[in-house]
């Protein structure tokens, strides 16, 4: 959720987050309550906005993800990397349908 909010400075509604995250609105509400309690997001009349602490957590996660991607791709040949990308694309396409 924090990564999704990172791309939207003015926040997102519960409905939009549910759609983007492929979960129910109830699950978004539950997660928002937890993140509000940790001061990672605010809830402004149904619009969820990342706080400065939330943005910092998001930056750490993004950095870790990049490092992990780099580690994985360094272990693979070019052909293996292309194969992995193709498999991941197929998985995403299947999830969207």
PDB file of N, CA and C in Angstrom:
ATOM      1  N   UNK A   1       0.820  -1.177   0.000  1.00  0.00           N
ATOM      2  CA  UNK A   1       0.000   0.000   0.000  1.00  0.00           C
ATOM      3  C   UNK A   1       0.871   1.250   0.000  1.00  0.00           C
ATOM      4  N   UNK A   2       1.939   1.243   0.780  1.00  0.00           N
ATOM      5  CA  UNK A   2       2.806   2.414   0.839  1.00  0.00           C
ATOM      6  C   UNK A   2       3.439   2.715  -0.518  1.00  0.00           C
ATOM      7  N   UNK A   3       3.834   1.681  -1.231  1.00  0.00           N
ATOM      8  CA  UNK A   3       4.419   1.888  -2.557  1.00  0.00           C
ATOM      9  C   UNK A   3       3.364   2.447  -3.506  1.00  0.00           C
ATOM     10  N   UNK A   4       2.161   1.955  -3.436  1.00  0.00           N
ATOM     11  CA  UNK A   4       1.077   2.472  -4.279  1.00  0.00           C
ATOM     12  C   UNK A   4       0.819   3.945  -3.955  1.00  0.00           C
ATOM     13  N   UNK A   5       0.827   4.299  -2.693  1.00  0.00           N
ATOM     14  CA  UNK A   5       0.599   5.691  -2.294  1.00  0.00           C
ATOM     15  C   UNK A   5       1.762   6.599  -2.682  1.00  0.00           C
ATOM     16  N   UNK A   6       2.947   6.044  -2.755  1.00  0.00           N
ATOM     17  CA  UNK A   6       4.137   6.826  -3.101  1.00  0.00           C
ATOM     18  C   UNK A   6       3.975   7.514  -4.454  1.00  0.00           C
ATOM     19  N   UNK A   7       3.228   6.920  -5.331  1.00  0.00           N
ATOM     20  CA  UNK A   7       3.052   7.459  -6.680  1.00  0.00           C
ATOM     21  C   UNK A   7       1.880   8.436  -6.769  1.00  0.00           C
ATOM     22  N   UNK A   8       1.214   8.694  -5.634  1.00  0.00           N
ATOM     23  CA  UNK A   8       0.042   9.574  -5.634  1.00  0.00           C
ATOM     24  C   UNK A   8       0.131  10.517  -4.436  1.00  0.00           C
ATOM     25  N   UNK A   9       0.690  11.692  -4.660  1.00  0.00           N
ATOM     26  CA  UNK A   9       0.945  12.632  -3.572  1.00  0.00           C
ATOM     27  C   UNK A   9      -0.307  13.076  -2.835  1.00  0.00           C
ATOM     28  N   UNK A  10      -1.450  13.069  -3.514  1.00  0.00           N
ATOM     29  CA  UNK A  10      -2.687  13.519  -2.884  1.00  0.00           C
ATOM     30  C   UNK A  10      -3.500  12.352  -2.337  1.00  0.00           C
ATOM     31  N   UNK A  11      -2.899  11.171  -2.312  1.00  0.00           N
ATOM     32  CA  UNK A  11      -3.543  10.004  -1.740  1.00  0.00           C
ATOM     33  C   UNK A  11      -4.483   9.296  -2.699  1.00  0.00           C
ATOM     34  N   UNK A  12      -5.087   8.259  -2.178  1.00  0.00           N
ATOM     35  CA  UNK A  12      -6.044   7.451  -2.942  1.00  0.00           C
ATOM     36  C   UNK A  12      -7.190   7.058  -2.034  1.00  0.00           C
ATOM     37  N   UNK A  13      -8.346   6.879  -2.651  1.00  0.00           N
ATOM     38  CA  UNK A  13      -9.513   6.438  -1.891  1.00  0.00           C
ATOM     39  C   UNK A  13      -9.395   4.942  -1.572  1.00  0.00           C
ATOM     40  N   UNK A  14     -10.193   4.505  -0.627  1.00  0.00           N
ATOM     41  CA  UNK A  14     -10.226   3.087  -0.271  1.00  0.00           C
ATOM     42  C   UNK A  14     -10.577   2.236  -1.484  1.00  0.00           C
ATOM     43  N   UNK A  15     -11.573   2.696  -2.248  1.00  0.00           N
ATOM     44  CA  UNK A  15     -11.997   1.923  -3.420  1.00  0.00           C
ATOM     45  C   UNK A  15     -10.875   1.777  -4.443  1.00  0.00           C
ATOM     46  N   UNK A  16     -10.159   2.859  -4.710  1.00  0.00           N
ATOM     47  CA  UNK A  16      -9.061   2.796  -5.687  1.00  0.00           C
ATOM     48  C   UNK A  16      -7.935   1.907  -5.183  1.00  0.00           C
ATOM     49  N   UNK A  17      -7.633   2.003  -3.897  1.00  0.00           N
ATOM     50  CA  UNK A  17      -6.588   1.138  -3.340  1.00  0.00           C
ATOM     51  C   UNK A  17      -6.993  -0.328  -3.421  1.00  0.00           C
ATOM     52  N   UNK A  18      -8.241  -0.619  -3.109  1.00  0.00           N
ATOM     53  CA  UNK A  18      -8.719  -2.001  -3.174  1.00  0.00           C
ATOM     54  C   UNK A  18      -8.558  -2.543  -4.592  1.00  0.00           C
ATOM     55  N   UNK A  19      -8.918  -1.743  -5.570  1.00  0.00           N
ATOM     56  CA  UNK A  19      -8.809  -2.174  -6.959  1.00  0.00           C
ATOM     57  C   UNK A  19      -7.341  -2.381  -7.357  1.00  0.00           C
ATOM     58  N   UNK A  20      -6.493  -1.432  -7.016  1.00  0.00           N
ATOM     59  CA  UNK A  20      -5.075  -1.521  -7.377  1.00  0.00           C
ATOM     60  C   UNK A  20      -4.365  -2.680  -6.680  1.00  0.00           C
ATOM     61  N   UNK A  21      -4.751  -2.958  -5.448  1.00  0.00           N
ATOM     62  CA  UNK A  21      -4.086  -4.007  -4.670  1.00  0.00           C
ATOM     63  C   UNK A  21      -4.759  -5.371  -4.807  1.00  0.00           C
ATOM     64  N   UNK A  22      -5.882  -5.399  -5.549  1.00  0.00           N
ATOM     65  CA  UNK A  22      -6.620  -6.645  -5.778  1.00  0.00           C
ATOM     66  C   UNK A  22      -7.097  -7.278  -4.472  1.00  0.00           C
ATOM     67  N   UNK A  23      -7.632  -6.419  -3.591  1.00  0.00           N
ATOM     68  CA  UNK A  23      -8.212  -6.879  -2.330  1.00  0.00           C
ATOM     69  C   UNK A  23      -9.558  -6.189  -2.139  1.00  0.00           C
ATOM     70  N   UNK A  24     -10.271  -6.596  -1.115  1.00  0.00           N
ATOM     71  CA  UNK A  24     -11.562  -5.968  -0.831  1.00  0.00           C
ATOM     72  C   UNK A  24     -11.370  -4.639  -0.113  1.00  0.00           C
ATOM     73  N   UNK A  25     -12.411  -3.817  -0.171  1.00  0.00           N
ATOM     74  CA  UNK A  25     -12.384  -2.536   0.538  1.00  0.00           C
ATOM     75  C   UNK A  25     -12.242  -2.773   2.041  1.00  0.00           C
ATOM     76  N   UNK A  26     -12.858  -3.835   2.552  1.00  0.00           N
ATOM     77  CA  UNK A  26     -12.732  -4.171   3.970  1.00  0.00           C
ATOM     78  C   UNK A  26     -11.278  -4.430   4.366  1.00  0.00           C
ATOM     79  N   UNK A  27     -10.551  -5.125   3.501  1.00  0.00           N
ATOM     80  CA  UNK A  27      -9.131  -5.401   3.782  1.00  0.00           C
ATOM     81  C   UNK A  27      -8.324  -4.107   3.793  1.00  0.00           C
ATOM     82  N   UNK A  28      -8.656  -3.191   2.868  1.00  0.00           N
ATOM     83  CA  UNK A  28      -7.969  -1.895   2.832  1.00  0.00           C
ATOM     84  C   UNK A  28      -8.251  -1.138   4.124  1.00  0.00           C
ATOM     85  N   UNK A  29      -9.498  -1.125   4.553  1.00  0.00           N
ATOM     86  CA  UNK A  29      -9.864  -0.432   5.795  1.00  0.00           C
ATOM     87  C   UNK A  29      -9.096  -0.998   6.981  1.00  0.00           C
ATOM     88  N   UNK A  30      -8.983  -2.310   7.029  1.00  0.00           N
ATOM     89  CA  UNK A  30      -8.255  -2.987   8.109  1.00  0.00           C
ATOM     90  C   UNK A  30      -6.771  -2.596   8.087  1.00  0.00           C
ATOM     91  N   UNK A  31      -6.184  -2.614   6.910  1.00  0.00           N
ATOM     92  CA  UNK A  31      -4.773  -2.257   6.774  1.00  0.00           C
ATOM     93  C   UNK A  31      -4.544  -0.787   7.097  1.00  0.00           C
ATOM     94  N   UNK A  32      -5.438   0.081   6.651  1.00  0.00           N
ATOM     95  CA  UNK A  32      -5.298   1.513   6.928  1.00  0.00           C
ATOM     96  C   UNK A  32      -5.308   1.762   8.429  1.00  0.00           C
ATOM     97  N   UNK A  33      -6.205   1.107   9.151  1.00  0.00           N
ATOM     98  CA  UNK A  33      -6.254   1.274  10.612  1.00  0.00           C
ATOM     99  C   UNK A  33      -4.910   0.926  11.236  1.00  0.00           C
ATOM    100  N   UNK A  34      -4.328  -0.164  10.779  1.00  0.00           N
ATOM    101  CA  UNK A  34      -3.035  -0.596  11.301  1.00  0.00           C
ATOM    102  C   UNK A  34      -1.934   0.413  10.961  1.00  0.00           C
ATOM    103  N   UNK A  35      -1.947   0.903   9.725  1.00  0.00           N
ATOM    104  CA  UNK A  35      -0.914   1.854   9.299  1.00  0.00           C
ATOM    105  C   UNK A  35      -1.094   3.223   9.950  1.00  0.00           C
ATOM    106  N   UNK A  36      -2.337   3.626  10.210  1.00  0.00           N
ATOM    107  CA  UNK A  36      -2.595   4.885  10.921  1.00  0.00           C
ATOM    108  C   UNK A  36      -2.039   4.784  12.343  1.00  0.00           C
ATOM    109  N   UNK A  37      -2.253   3.642  12.988  1.00  0.00           N
ATOM    110  CA  UNK A  37      -1.763   3.429  14.352  1.00  0.00           C
ATOM    111  C   UNK A  37      -0.241   3.512  14.422  1.00  0.00           C
ATOM    112  N   UNK A  38       0.421   3.179  13.319  1.00  0.00           N
ATOM    113  CA  UNK A  38       1.887   3.221  13.262  1.00  0.00           C
ATOM    114  C   UNK A  38       2.388   4.541  12.677  1.00  0.00           C
ATOM    115  N   UNK A  39       1.474   5.470  12.413  1.00  0.00           N
ATOM    116  CA  UNK A  39       1.779   6.789  11.850  1.00  0.00           C
ATOM    117  C   UNK A  39       2.460   6.701  10.477  1.00  0.00           C
ATOM    118  N   UNK A  40       2.054   5.703   9.675  1.00  0.00           N
ATOM    119  CA  UNK A  40       2.618   5.558   8.333  1.00  0.00           C
ATOM    120  C   UNK A  40       1.701   6.149   7.264  1.00  0.00           C
ATOM    121  N   UNK A  41       0.406   6.267   7.586  1.00  0.00           N
ATOM    122  CA  UNK A  41      -0.556   6.913   6.686  1.00  0.00           C
ATOM    123  C   UNK A  41      -1.543   7.714   7.519  1.00  0.00           C
ATOM    124  N   UNK A  42      -2.252   8.617   6.827  1.00  0.00           N
ATOM    125  CA  UNK A  42      -3.380   9.307   7.443  1.00  0.00           C
ATOM    126  C   UNK A  42      -4.617   8.987   6.619  1.00  0.00           C
ATOM    127  N   UNK A  43      -5.771   9.107   7.249  1.00  0.00           N
ATOM    128  CA  UNK A  43      -7.045   8.881   6.573  1.00  0.00           C
ATOM    129  C   UNK A  43      -7.798  10.207   6.600  1.00  0.00           C
ATOM    130  N   UNK A  44      -7.867  10.860   5.455  1.00  0.00           N
ATOM    131  CA  UNK A  44      -8.527  12.150   5.334  1.00  0.00           C
ATOM    132  C   UNK A  44      -9.874  11.958   4.640  1.00  0.00           C
ATOM    133  N   UNK A  45     -10.900  11.667   5.437  1.00  0.00           N
ATOM    134  CA  UNK A  45     -12.255  11.457   4.909  1.00  0.00           C
ATOM    135  C   UNK A  45     -12.303  10.427   3.788  1.00  0.00           C
ATOM    136  N   UNK A  46     -11.670   9.291   4.013  1.00  0.00           N
ATOM    137  CA  UNK A  46     -11.717   8.206   3.027  1.00  0.00           C
ATOM    138  C   UNK A  46     -10.611   8.250   1.987  1.00  0.00           C
ATOM    139  N   UNK A  47      -9.727   9.233   2.082  1.00  0.00           N
ATOM    140  CA  UNK A  47      -8.559   9.285   1.202  1.00  0.00           C
ATOM    141  C   UNK A  47      -7.330   8.987   2.048  1.00  0.00           C
ATOM    142  N   UNK A  48      -6.582   7.992   1.645  1.00  0.00           N
ATOM    143  CA  UNK A  48      -5.408   7.552   2.393  1.00  0.00           C
ATOM    144  C   UNK A  48      -4.177   8.254   1.834  1.00  0.00           C
ATOM    145  N   UNK A  49      -3.409   8.875   2.731  1.00  0.00           N
ATOM    146  CA  UNK A  49      -2.235   9.639   2.338  1.00  0.00           C
ATOM    147  C   UNK A  49      -1.051   9.160   3.160  1.00  0.00           C
ATOM    148  N   UNK A  50       0.072   8.970   2.506  1.00  0.00           N
ATOM    149  CA  UNK A  50       1.286   8.527   3.180  1.00  0.00           C
ATOM    150  C   UNK A  50       1.875   9.675   4.011  1.00  0.00           C
ATOM    151  N   UNK A  51       2.317   9.368   5.232  1.00  0.00           N
ATOM    152  CA  UNK A  51       2.997  10.351   6.077  1.00  0.00           C
ATOM    153  C   UNK A  51       4.486  10.351   5.734  1.00  0.00           C
ATOM    154  N   UNK A  52       5.235  11.243   6.354  1.00  0.00           N
ATOM    155  CA  UNK A  52       6.688  11.269   6.134  1.00  0.00           C
ATOM    156  C   UNK A  52       7.317   9.948   6.578  1.00  0.00           C
ATOM    157  N   UNK A  53       6.857   9.398   7.703  1.00  0.00           N
ATOM    158  CA  UNK A  53       7.368   8.102   8.158  1.00  0.00           C
ATOM    159  C   UNK A  53       7.029   7.005   7.151  1.00  0.00           C
ATOM    160  N   UNK A  54       5.825   7.066   6.591  1.00  0.00           N
ATOM    161  CA  UNK A  54       5.426   6.096   5.568  1.00  0.00           C
ATOM    162  C   UNK A  54       6.290   6.198   4.337  1.00  0.00           C
ATOM    163  N   UNK A  55       6.619   7.419   3.939  1.00  0.00           N
ATOM    164  CA  UNK A  55       7.480   7.632   2.771  1.00  0.00           C
ATOM    165  C   UNK A  55       8.883   7.079   3.017  1.00  0.00           C
ATOM    166  N   UNK A  56       9.374   7.239   4.247  1.00  0.00           N
ATOM    167  CA  UNK A  56      10.698   6.709   4.591  1.00  0.00           C
ATOM    168  C   UNK A  56      10.718   5.181   4.538  1.00  0.00           C
ATOM    169  N   UNK A  57       9.677   4.550   5.065  1.00  0.00           N
ATOM    170  CA  UNK A  57       9.574   3.087   5.006  1.00  0.00           C
ATOM    171  C   UNK A  57       9.538   2.641   3.547  1.00  0.00           C
ATOM    172  N   UNK A  58       8.776   3.350   2.738  1.00  0.00           N
ATOM    173  CA  UNK A  58       8.656   3.025   1.323  1.00  0.00           C
ATOM    174  C   UNK A  58      10.016   3.112   0.630  1.00  0.00           C
ATOM    175  N   UNK A  59      10.784   4.142   0.932  1.00  0.00           N
ATOM    176  CA  UNK A  59      12.125   4.299   0.343  1.00  0.00           C
ATOM    177  C   UNK A  59      13.021   3.119   0.726  1.00  0.00           C
ATOM    178  N   UNK A  60      12.937   2.686   1.977  1.00  0.00           N
ATOM    179  CA  UNK A  60      13.740   1.549   2.431  1.00  0.00           C
ATOM    180  C   UNK A  60      13.345   0.270   1.702  1.00  0.00           C
ATOM    181  N   UNK A  61      12.042   0.074   1.529  1.00  0.00           N
ATOM    182  CA  UNK A  61      11.547  -1.113   0.829  1.00  0.00           C
ATOM    183  C   UNK A  61      11.993  -1.094  -0.633  1.00  0.00           C
ATOM    184  N   UNK A  62      11.873   0.070  -1.270  1.00  0.00           N
ATOM    185  CA  UNK A  62      12.287   0.207  -2.671  1.00  0.00           C
ATOM    186  C   UNK A  62      13.789  -0.075  -2.821  1.00  0.00           C
ATOM    187  N   UNK A  63      14.590   0.432  -1.897  1.00  0.00           N
ATOM    188  CA  UNK A  63      16.038   0.199  -1.941  1.00  0.00           C
ATOM    189  C   UNK A  63      16.333  -1.293  -1.792  1.00  0.00           C
ATOM    190  N   UNK A  64      15.669  -1.929  -0.844  1.00  0.00           N
ATOM    191  CA  UNK A  64      15.871  -3.366  -0.623  1.00  0.00           C
ATOM    192  C   UNK A  64      15.459  -4.163  -1.860  1.00  0.00           C
ATOM    193  N   UNK A  65      14.341  -3.774  -2.477  1.00  0.00           N
ATOM    194  CA  UNK A  65      13.861  -4.454  -3.682  1.00  0.00           C
ATOM    195  C   UNK A  65      14.879  -4.328  -4.825  1.00  0.00           C
ATOM    196  N   UNK A  66      15.421  -3.123  -5.007  1.00  0.00           N
ATOM    197  CA  UNK A  66      16.436  -2.928  -6.057  1.00  0.00           C
ATOM    198  C   UNK A  66      17.672  -3.782  -5.800  1.00  0.00           C
ATOM    199  N   UNK A  67      18.112  -3.819  -4.543  1.00  0.00           N
ATOM    200  CA  UNK A  67      19.289  -4.621  -4.190  1.00  0.00           C
ATOM    201  C   UNK A  67      19.024  -6.106  -4.423  1.00  0.00           C
ATOM    202  N   UNK A  68      17.826  -6.550  -4.071  1.00  0.00           N
ATOM    203  CA  UNK A  68      17.455  -7.954  -4.284  1.00  0.00           C
ATOM    204  C   UNK A  68      17.412  -8.272  -5.775  1.00  0.00           C
ATOM    205  N   UNK A  69      16.795  -7.396  -6.560  1.00  0.00           N
ATOM    206  CA  UNK A  69      16.756  -7.585  -8.018  1.00  0.00           C
ATOM    207  C   UNK A  69      18.162  -7.688  -8.585  1.00  0.00           C
ATOM    208  N   UNK A  70      19.034  -6.813  -8.120  1.00  0.00           N
ATOM    209  CA  UNK A  70      20.416  -6.800  -8.609  1.00  0.00           C
ATOM    210  C   UNK A  70      21.134  -8.098  -8.239  1.00  0.00           C
ATOM    211  N   UNK A  71      20.929  -8.564  -7.028  1.00  0.00           N
ATOM    212  CA  UNK A  71      21.552  -9.817  -6.588  1.00  0.00           C
ATOM    213  C   UNK A  71      21.086 -10.984  -7.451  1.00  0.00           C
ATOM    214  N   UNK A  72      19.783 -11.044  -7.700  1.00  0.00           N
ATOM    215  CA  UNK A  72      19.228 -12.138  -8.500  1.00  0.00           C
ATOM    216  C   UNK A  72      19.764 -12.087  -9.925  1.00  0.00           C
ATOM    217  N   UNK A  73      19.738 -10.909 -10.529  1.00  0.00           N
ATOM    218  CA  UNK A  73      20.162 -10.818 -11.933  1.00  0.00           C
ATOM    219  C   UNK A  73      21.662 -11.052 -12.085  1.00  0.00           C
ATOM    220  N   UNK A  74      22.441 -10.764 -11.069  1.00  0.00           N
ATOM    221  CA  UNK A  74      23.880 -11.043 -11.143  1.00  0.00           C
ATOM    222  C   UNK A  74      24.162 -12.541 -11.139  1.00  0.00           C
ATOM    223  N   UNK A  75      23.250 -13.301 -10.548  1.00  0.00           N
ATOM    224  CA  UNK A  75      23.435 -14.748 -10.461  1.00  0.00           C
ATOM    225  C   UNK A  75      22.991 -15.458 -11.740  1.00  0.00           C
ATOM    226  N   UNK A  76      22.229 -14.771 -12.579  1.00  0.00           N
ATOM    227  CA  UNK A  76      21.666 -15.390 -13.771  1.00  0.00           C
ATOM    228  C   UNK A  76      22.372 -14.926 -15.039  1.00  0.00           C
ATOM    229  N   UNK A  77      22.356 -15.794 -16.040  1.00  0.00           N
ATOM    230  CA  UNK A  77      22.856 -15.391 -17.351  1.00  0.00           C
ATOM    231  C   UNK A  77      21.820 -14.474 -18.002  1.00  0.00           C
ATOM    232  N   UNK A  78      22.189 -13.866 -19.113  1.00  0.00           N
ATOM    233  CA  UNK A  78      21.261 -12.990 -19.821  1.00  0.00           C
ATOM    234  C   UNK A  78      20.012 -13.767 -20.245  1.00  0.00           C
ATOM    235  N   UNK A  79      20.199 -14.975 -20.782  1.00  0.00           N
ATOM    236  CA  UNK A  79      19.063 -15.797 -21.206  1.00  0.00           C
ATOM    237  C   UNK A  79      18.168 -16.178 -20.026  1.00  0.00           C
ATOM    238  N   UNK A  80      18.780 -16.514 -18.895  1.00  0.00           N
ATOM    239  CA  UNK A  80      18.001 -16.859 -17.704  1.00  0.00           C
ATOM    240  C   UNK A  80      17.209 -15.658 -17.198  1.00  0.00           C
ATOM    241  N   UNK A  81      17.831 -14.479 -17.236  1.00  0.00           N
ATOM    242  CA  UNK A  81      17.150 -13.254 -16.817  1.00  0.00           C
ATOM    243  C   UNK A  81      15.945 -12.979 -17.706  1.00  0.00           C
ATOM    244  N   UNK A  82      16.115 -13.119 -19.011  1.00  0.00           N
ATOM    245  CA  UNK A  82      15.009 -12.911 -19.950  1.00  0.00           C
ATOM    246  C   UNK A  82      13.902 -13.926 -19.683  1.00  0.00           C
ATOM    247  N   UNK A  83      14.275 -15.175 -19.422  1.00  0.00           N
ATOM    248  CA  UNK A  83      13.292 -16.209 -19.103  1.00  0.00           C
ATOM    249  C   UNK A  83      12.519 -15.871 -17.839  1.00  0.00           C
ATOM    250  N   UNK A  84      13.222 -15.401 -16.814  1.00  0.00           N
ATOM    251  CA  UNK A  84      12.578 -15.029 -15.558  1.00  0.00           C
ATOM    252  C   UNK A  84      11.598 -13.875 -15.784  1.00  0.00           C
ATOM    253  N   UNK A  85      12.013 -12.879 -16.528  1.00  0.00           N
ATOM    254  CA  UNK A  85      11.142 -11.734 -16.825  1.00  0.00           C
ATOM    255  C   UNK A  85       9.888 -12.206 -17.550  1.00  0.00           C
ATOM    256  N   UNK A  86      10.044 -13.099 -18.506  1.00  0.00           N
ATOM    257  CA  UNK A  86       8.884 -13.612 -19.248  1.00  0.00           C
ATOM    258  C   UNK A  86       7.919 -14.373 -18.342  1.00  0.00           C
ATOM    259  N   UNK A  87       8.451 -15.168 -17.426  1.00  0.00           N
ATOM    260  CA  UNK A  87       7.610 -15.909 -16.489  1.00  0.00           C
ATOM    261  C   UNK A  87       6.856 -14.926 -15.579  1.00  0.00           C
ATOM    262  N   UNK A  88       7.544 -13.909 -15.087  1.00  0.00           N
ATOM    263  CA  UNK A  88       6.901 -12.924 -14.218  1.00  0.00           C
ATOM    264  C   UNK A  88       5.810 -12.153 -14.968  1.00  0.00           C
ATOM    265  N   UNK A  89       6.058 -11.836 -16.230  1.00  0.00           N
ATOM    266  CA  UNK A  89       5.046 -11.149 -17.043  1.00  0.00           C
ATOM    267  C   UNK A  89       3.798 -12.019 -17.190  1.00  0.00           C
ATOM    268  N   UNK A  90       3.989 -13.300 -17.444  1.00  0.00           N
ATOM    269  CA  UNK A  90       2.858 -14.216 -17.573  1.00  0.00           C
ATOM    270  C   UNK A  90       2.062 -14.288 -16.274  1.00  0.00           C
ATOM    271  N   UNK A  91       2.766 -14.305 -15.148  1.00  0.00           N
ATOM    272  CA  UNK A  91       2.091 -14.359 -13.854  1.00  0.00           C
ATOM    273  C   UNK A  91       1.256 -13.097 -13.629  1.00  0.00           C
ATOM    274  N   UNK A  92       1.805 -11.936 -13.980  1.00  0.00           N
ATOM    275  CA  UNK A  92       1.065 -10.689 -13.827  1.00  0.00           C
ATOM    276  C   UNK A  92      -0.151 -10.645 -14.736  1.00  0.00           C
ATOM    277  N   UNK A  93       0.019 -11.097 -15.971  1.00  0.00           N
ATOM    278  CA  UNK A  93      -1.109 -11.122 -16.920  1.00  0.00           C
ATOM    279  C   UNK A  93      -2.215 -12.024 -16.402  1.00  0.00           C
ATOM    280  N   UNK A  94      -1.842 -13.168 -15.848  1.00  0.00           N
ATOM    281  CA  UNK A  94      -2.842 -14.102 -15.316  1.00  0.00           C
ATOM    282  C   UNK A  94      -3.580 -13.472 -14.144  1.00  0.00           C
ATOM    283  N   UNK A  95      -2.870 -12.754 -13.287  1.00  0.00           N
ATOM    284  CA  UNK A  95      -3.482 -12.102 -12.130  1.00  0.00           C
ATOM    285  C   UNK A  95      -4.457 -11.012 -12.558  1.00  0.00           C
ATOM    286  N   UNK A  96      -4.142 -10.318 -13.644  1.00  0.00           N
ATOM    287  CA  UNK A  96      -5.005  -9.235 -14.109  1.00  0.00           C
ATOM    288  C   UNK A  96      -6.292  -9.754 -14.730  1.00  0.00           C
ATOM    289  N   UNK A  97      -6.269 -10.989 -15.221  1.00  0.00           N
ATOM    290  CA  UNK A  97      -7.478 -11.574 -15.843  1.00  0.00           C
ATOM    291  C   UNK A  97      -8.311 -12.226 -14.833  1.00  0.00           C
TER     292      UNK A  97
END
